[in-house]
Protein backbone atom coordinates (compact mmCIF):
# COMPACT_ATOMS: atom_id res chain seq x y z
CA MET A 1 0.00 0.00 0.00
CA ASN A 2 1.29 3.48 -0.89
CA ASP A 3 2.00 5.76 2.03
CA PRO A 4 0.58 9.22 1.06
CA LYS A 5 2.88 11.01 3.49
CA ALA A 6 5.91 9.37 1.91
CA GLU A 7 4.71 10.63 -1.48
CA GLY A 8 4.26 14.19 -0.24
CA GLU A 9 0.46 14.33 -0.27
CA SER A 10 -1.80 14.24 2.74
CA VAL A 11 -4.55 11.67 3.08
CA LEU A 12 -7.11 14.48 2.89
CA GLY A 13 -5.47 15.69 -0.29
CA GLN A 14 -6.29 12.36 -1.92
CA ILE A 15 -10.00 12.50 -1.13
CA ARG A 16 -12.25 13.69 -3.91
CA PRO A 17 -15.49 15.51 -3.16
CA HIS A 18 -18.54 13.36 -3.82
CA GLY A 19 -19.76 13.65 -7.39
CA MET A 20 -16.51 15.05 -8.77
CA SER A 21 -15.31 13.26 -11.88
CA ASP A 22 -11.72 12.10 -12.28
CA GLU A 23 -11.16 14.85 -14.86
CA GLU A 24 -12.57 17.52 -12.56
CA ALA A 25 -10.41 16.28 -9.68
CA ARG A 26 -7.34 16.27 -11.95
CA ASN A 27 -8.08 19.80 -13.19
CA LEU A 28 -8.52 21.07 -9.64
CA SER A 29 -5.18 19.55 -8.69
CA LEU A 30 -3.52 20.96 -11.81
CA ALA A 31 -4.98 24.42 -11.17
CA ARG A 32 -3.60 24.41 -7.64
CA GLU A 33 -0.24 23.23 -8.95
CA ALA A 34 -0.14 25.92 -11.66
CA ILE A 35 -0.87 28.58 -9.06
CA ASN A 36 1.83 27.19 -6.77
CA PHE A 37 4.39 27.25 -9.60
CA PHE A 38 3.34 30.78 -10.51
CA VAL A 39 3.74 31.96 -6.90
CA GLY A 40 7.17 30.32 -6.87
CA GLU A 41 8.14 32.18 -10.04
CA CYS A 42 6.92 35.45 -8.53
CA SER A 43 8.86 34.76 -5.34
CA GLY A 44 12.02 34.09 -7.33
CA ARG A 45 11.64 37.33 -9.25
CA LEU A 46 10.85 39.21 -6.04
CA GLY A 47 13.95 37.80 -4.35
CA ALA A 48 16.11 38.64 -7.34
CA GLU A 49 14.84 42.20 -7.36
CA GLU A 50 15.29 42.64 -3.61
CA ALA A 51 18.86 41.32 -3.86
CA LYS A 52 19.88 44.02 -6.36
CA ALA A 53 22.05 46.88 -5.20
CA SER A 54 19.28 49.29 -6.26
CA PRO A 55 16.01 47.35 -6.19
CA ASP A 56 13.02 48.82 -8.01
CA PRO A 57 10.22 49.41 -5.45
CA GLN A 58 7.61 49.21 -8.22
CA LEU A 59 8.81 45.77 -9.29
CA ILE A 60 8.86 44.60 -5.69
CA ALA A 61 5.27 45.80 -5.25
CA HIS A 62 4.31 44.20 -8.57
CA TRP A 63 5.62 40.74 -7.69
CA ARG A 64 4.09 40.90 -4.21
CA GLU A 65 0.72 41.79 -5.72
CA GLU A 66 0.99 39.02 -8.32
CA SER A 67 1.66 36.53 -5.51
CA ARG A 68 -1.22 37.87 -3.44
CA LEU A 69 -3.66 37.61 -6.35
CA ALA A 70 -2.55 34.07 -7.12
CA ALA A 71 -2.95 33.01 -3.50
CA GLU A 72 -6.42 34.54 -3.51
CA ALA A 73 -7.32 32.65 -6.70
CA ARG A 74 -6.15 29.41 -5.08
CA ARG A 75 -8.18 30.11 -1.95
CA PHE A 76 -11.35 30.73 -3.96
CA LEU A 77 -11.15 27.70 -6.26
CA GLN A 78 -14.54 26.00 -6.08
CA VAL A 79 -14.73 22.22 -6.42
CA ASP A 80 -18.30 22.56 -7.67
CA ASP A 81 -17.31 24.99 -10.46
CA PRO A 82 -15.41 22.97 -13.07
CA HIS A 83 -15.59 25.81 -15.60
CA GLY A 84 -14.07 28.24 -13.10
CA VAL A 85 -11.35 25.73 -12.22
CA GLN A 86 -10.57 25.29 -15.93
CA ALA A 87 -10.42 29.07 -16.38
CA VAL A 88 -7.97 29.41 -13.46
CA LEU A 89 -5.88 26.52 -14.83
CA ASP A 90 -5.77 28.12 -18.29
CA HIS A 91 -4.97 31.55 -16.85
CA TYR A 92 -2.04 30.45 -14.69
CA ASN A 93 -0.65 28.11 -17.34
CA ARG A 94 -0.70 31.08 -19.73
CA ARG A 95 0.94 33.36 -17.14
CA LEU A 96 3.67 30.78 -16.52
CA ARG A 97 4.37 30.57 -20.25
CA GLU A 98 4.53 34.39 -20.42
CA LEU A 99 6.98 34.57 -17.53
CA ASN A 100 9.17 31.87 -19.00
CA GLN A 101 9.18 33.56 -22.41
CA LEU A 102 10.04 36.92 -20.85
CA HIS A 103 12.89 35.57 -18.70
CA PRO A 104 13.31 31.79 -18.55
CA HIS A 105 15.34 31.95 -15.34
CA GLY A 106 13.56 34.78 -13.56
CA GLY A 107 15.09 38.12 -14.43
CA GLY A 108 12.98 40.32 -12.18
CA ASP A 109 11.39 42.31 -15.01
CA ARG A 110 7.69 42.93 -15.11
CA PRO A 111 5.79 40.93 -17.75
CA THR A 112 3.93 42.93 -20.39
């Protein structure tokens, strides 16, 4: 038997809400993951900017706000709204692509 804790996921994290299809459960998980990756990218850019000799306060505020908005989106994901979950998944996948195209290794610049 697989030990969920050994695999990095809690037992509660493996439980699907009643009536949720496998695809809906997968999309919810992927949306959360996309948001987490996005927040990580923002944090990396924020750290890079803060580490500069002359950090740009506007960029610092920008990356903090991006992180805050992503955390809010994650908090308000609704298991009973598969279309909303798909929209969040699409949005953060697109944002991740934009960040990686702008600066693949996190350059601290604001995306356009």
